Amino acid sequence: MPTRHDFDARLLGGAALFGIGWGLSGYCPGPAVVSLPGLSWPLVAFLVALVLGWWIPRQVAPSH
């Protein structure tokens, strides 16, 4: 079980970006991957944004 109960700007910002991306594209990560056989431009745009959203913070954040 999680032991942290605080909300910080990174958590709220990430949740907001996830929700905005989901609302604009109509996809969340699981259904987007399952939809790969019916590849479309909106799906490609979502997947590119998904990968960049995962990769960029790992390049910017200090390593632990």
N, C-alpha and C. Protein backbone atom coordinates (compact mmCIF):
# COMPACT_ATOMS: atom_id res chain seq x y z
N MET A 1 0.84 -1.18 0.00
CA MET A 1 0.00 0.00 0.00
C MET A 1 0.88 1.25 0.00
N PRO A 2 0.45 2.29 -0.72
CA PRO A 2 1.22 3.53 -0.72
C PRO A 2 1.28 4.14 0.67
N THR A 3 2.40 4.73 0.98
CA THR A 3 2.55 5.37 2.29
C THR A 3 2.49 6.89 2.18
N ARG A 4 2.65 7.43 0.98
CA ARG A 4 2.60 8.89 0.79
C ARG A 4 1.15 9.32 0.56
N HIS A 5 0.80 10.44 1.14
CA HIS A 5 -0.56 10.96 0.99
C HIS A 5 -0.54 12.41 0.53
N ASP A 6 0.62 12.91 0.12
CA ASP A 6 0.70 14.30 -0.31
C ASP A 6 0.52 14.41 -1.82
N PHE A 7 0.03 15.54 -2.24
CA PHE A 7 -0.12 15.84 -3.66
C PHE A 7 0.83 16.97 -3.98
N ASP A 8 1.71 16.76 -4.97
CA ASP A 8 2.62 17.83 -5.35
C ASP A 8 2.31 18.27 -6.77
N ALA A 9 3.01 19.29 -7.22
CA ALA A 9 2.76 19.86 -8.54
C ALA A 9 3.05 18.85 -9.66
N ARG A 10 4.07 18.02 -9.48
CA ARG A 10 4.38 17.02 -10.51
C ARG A 10 3.26 16.02 -10.67
N LEU A 11 2.70 15.55 -9.57
CA LEU A 11 1.60 14.59 -9.63
C LEU A 11 0.37 15.22 -10.26
N LEU A 12 0.00 16.39 -9.80
CA LEU A 12 -1.19 17.05 -10.35
C LEU A 12 -1.00 17.45 -11.81
N GLY A 13 0.19 17.94 -12.16
CA GLY A 13 0.46 18.30 -13.55
C GLY A 13 0.44 17.09 -14.46
N GLY A 14 1.05 16.00 -14.03
CA GLY A 14 1.04 14.78 -14.83
C GLY A 14 -0.36 14.23 -15.01
N ALA A 15 -1.15 14.25 -13.95
CA ALA A 15 -2.53 13.77 -14.04
C ALA A 15 -3.35 14.65 -14.99
N ALA A 16 -3.12 15.97 -14.92
CA ALA A 16 -3.84 16.88 -15.81
C ALA A 16 -3.45 16.65 -17.26
N LEU A 17 -2.15 16.49 -17.53
CA LEU A 17 -1.71 16.24 -18.90
C LEU A 17 -2.26 14.91 -19.43
N PHE A 18 -2.26 13.89 -18.58
CA PHE A 18 -2.81 12.60 -18.98
C PHE A 18 -4.28 12.75 -19.35
N GLY A 19 -5.04 13.44 -18.50
CA GLY A 19 -6.46 13.63 -18.77
C GLY A 19 -6.73 14.45 -20.01
N ILE A 20 -5.95 15.48 -20.22
CA ILE A 20 -6.11 16.31 -21.42
C ILE A 20 -5.80 15.49 -22.67
N GLY A 21 -4.70 14.74 -22.63
CA GLY A 21 -4.34 13.91 -23.78
C GLY A 21 -5.38 12.85 -24.06
N TRP A 22 -5.90 12.25 -23.03
CA TRP A 22 -6.93 11.23 -23.19
C TRP A 22 -8.19 11.87 -23.81
N GLY A 23 -8.57 13.03 -23.30
CA GLY A 23 -9.77 13.70 -23.82
C GLY A 23 -9.62 14.16 -25.26
N LEU A 24 -8.44 14.66 -25.62
CA LEU A 24 -8.24 15.15 -26.98
C LEU A 24 -8.10 14.01 -27.98
N SER A 25 -7.47 12.92 -27.57
CA SER A 25 -7.22 11.85 -28.53
C SER A 25 -8.27 10.76 -28.48
N GLY A 26 -8.93 10.61 -27.35
CA GLY A 26 -9.88 9.53 -27.21
C GLY A 26 -9.23 8.20 -26.85
N TYR A 27 -7.94 8.23 -26.57
CA TYR A 27 -7.20 7.01 -26.23
C TYR A 27 -6.59 7.15 -24.85
N CYS A 28 -6.48 6.02 -24.17
CA CYS A 28 -5.59 5.93 -23.03
C CYS A 28 -4.57 4.86 -23.41
N PRO A 29 -3.49 4.69 -22.68
CA PRO A 29 -2.39 3.83 -23.15
C PRO A 29 -2.78 2.40 -23.52
N GLY A 30 -3.57 1.74 -22.71
CA GLY A 30 -3.93 0.34 -23.00
C GLY A 30 -4.67 0.18 -24.31
N PRO A 31 -5.81 0.86 -24.48
CA PRO A 31 -6.54 0.76 -25.74
C PRO A 31 -5.74 1.27 -26.94
N ALA A 32 -4.83 2.21 -26.73
CA ALA A 32 -4.00 2.69 -27.84
C ALA A 32 -3.12 1.57 -28.37
N VAL A 33 -2.52 0.80 -27.48
CA VAL A 33 -1.66 -0.31 -27.91
C VAL A 33 -2.50 -1.38 -28.60
N VAL A 34 -3.67 -1.67 -28.07
CA VAL A 34 -4.55 -2.68 -28.66
C VAL A 34 -5.04 -2.22 -30.04
N SER A 35 -5.13 -0.90 -30.25
CA SER A 35 -5.61 -0.36 -31.53
C SER A 35 -4.55 -0.31 -32.62
N LEU A 36 -3.33 -0.76 -32.34
CA LEU A 36 -2.25 -0.69 -33.32
C LEU A 36 -2.59 -1.33 -34.67
N PRO A 37 -3.31 -2.45 -34.73
CA PRO A 37 -3.63 -3.01 -36.05
C PRO A 37 -4.44 -2.06 -36.94
N GLY A 38 -5.23 -1.18 -36.36
CA GLY A 38 -6.01 -0.22 -37.13
C GLY A 38 -5.36 1.15 -37.12
N LEU A 39 -4.06 1.19 -37.38
CA LEU A 39 -3.26 2.41 -37.26
C LEU A 39 -3.89 3.59 -38.00
N SER A 40 -3.99 4.71 -37.32
CA SER A 40 -4.51 5.95 -37.91
C SER A 40 -3.61 7.09 -37.45
N TRP A 41 -3.74 8.25 -38.10
CA TRP A 41 -2.90 9.40 -37.73
C TRP A 41 -3.16 9.87 -36.31
N PRO A 42 -4.40 9.93 -35.84
CA PRO A 42 -4.59 10.33 -34.43
C PRO A 42 -3.94 9.34 -33.46
N LEU A 43 -3.98 8.05 -33.79
CA LEU A 43 -3.34 7.05 -32.94
C LEU A 43 -1.83 7.22 -32.96
N VAL A 44 -1.25 7.46 -34.12
CA VAL A 44 0.19 7.68 -34.22
C VAL A 44 0.59 8.91 -33.41
N ALA A 45 -0.18 9.99 -33.52
CA ALA A 45 0.12 11.21 -32.77
C ALA A 45 0.07 10.93 -31.27
N PHE A 46 -0.93 10.17 -30.83
CA PHE A 46 -1.04 9.84 -29.42
C PHE A 46 0.14 9.01 -28.96
N LEU A 47 0.52 8.00 -29.73
CA LEU A 47 1.62 7.12 -29.34
C LEU A 47 2.95 7.87 -29.29
N VAL A 48 3.17 8.78 -30.23
CA VAL A 48 4.38 9.60 -30.21
C VAL A 48 4.40 10.47 -28.95
N ALA A 49 3.26 11.11 -28.65
CA ALA A 49 3.18 11.94 -27.45
C ALA A 49 3.36 11.10 -26.19
N LEU A 50 2.82 9.89 -26.19
CA LEU A 50 2.95 9.00 -25.05
C LEU A 50 4.41 8.65 -24.80
N VAL A 51 5.13 8.28 -25.85
CA VAL A 51 6.53 7.91 -25.71
C VAL A 51 7.37 9.12 -25.29
N LEU A 52 7.11 10.27 -25.90
CA LEU A 52 7.85 11.48 -25.52
C LEU A 52 7.56 11.87 -24.08
N GLY A 53 6.31 11.73 -23.65
CA GLY A 53 5.94 12.05 -22.28
C GLY A 53 6.58 11.11 -21.27
N TRP A 54 6.91 9.92 -21.69
CA TRP A 54 7.62 8.98 -20.83
C TRP A 54 9.12 9.25 -20.86
N TRP A 55 9.66 9.54 -22.04
CA TRP A 55 11.10 9.65 -22.23
C TRP A 55 11.68 10.98 -21.75
N ILE A 56 11.03 12.10 -22.08
CA ILE A 56 11.58 13.43 -21.77
C ILE A 56 11.82 13.64 -20.28
N PRO A 57 10.87 13.32 -19.40
CA PRO A 57 11.17 13.52 -17.98
C PRO A 57 12.36 12.71 -17.47
N ARG A 58 12.59 11.58 -18.06
CA ARG A 58 13.74 10.76 -17.65
C ARG A 58 15.05 11.38 -18.09
N GLN A 59 15.03 12.22 -19.11
CA GLN A 59 16.23 12.89 -19.57
C GLN A 59 16.50 14.15 -18.75
N VAL A 60 15.43 14.77 -18.26
CA VAL A 60 15.53 16.04 -17.55
C VAL A 60 15.73 15.84 -16.05
N ALA A 61 15.06 14.84 -15.49
CA ALA A 61 15.11 14.62 -14.04
C ALA A 61 16.48 14.13 -13.60
N PRO A 62 16.93 14.57 -12.44
CA PRO A 62 18.20 14.04 -11.93
C PRO A 62 18.06 12.57 -11.59
N SER A 63 19.12 11.80 -11.82
CA SER A 63 19.07 10.38 -11.49
C SER A 63 19.26 10.17 -10.00
N HIS A 64 18.66 9.12 -9.53
CA HIS A 64 18.72 8.83 -8.09
C HIS A 64 19.84 7.89 -7.82
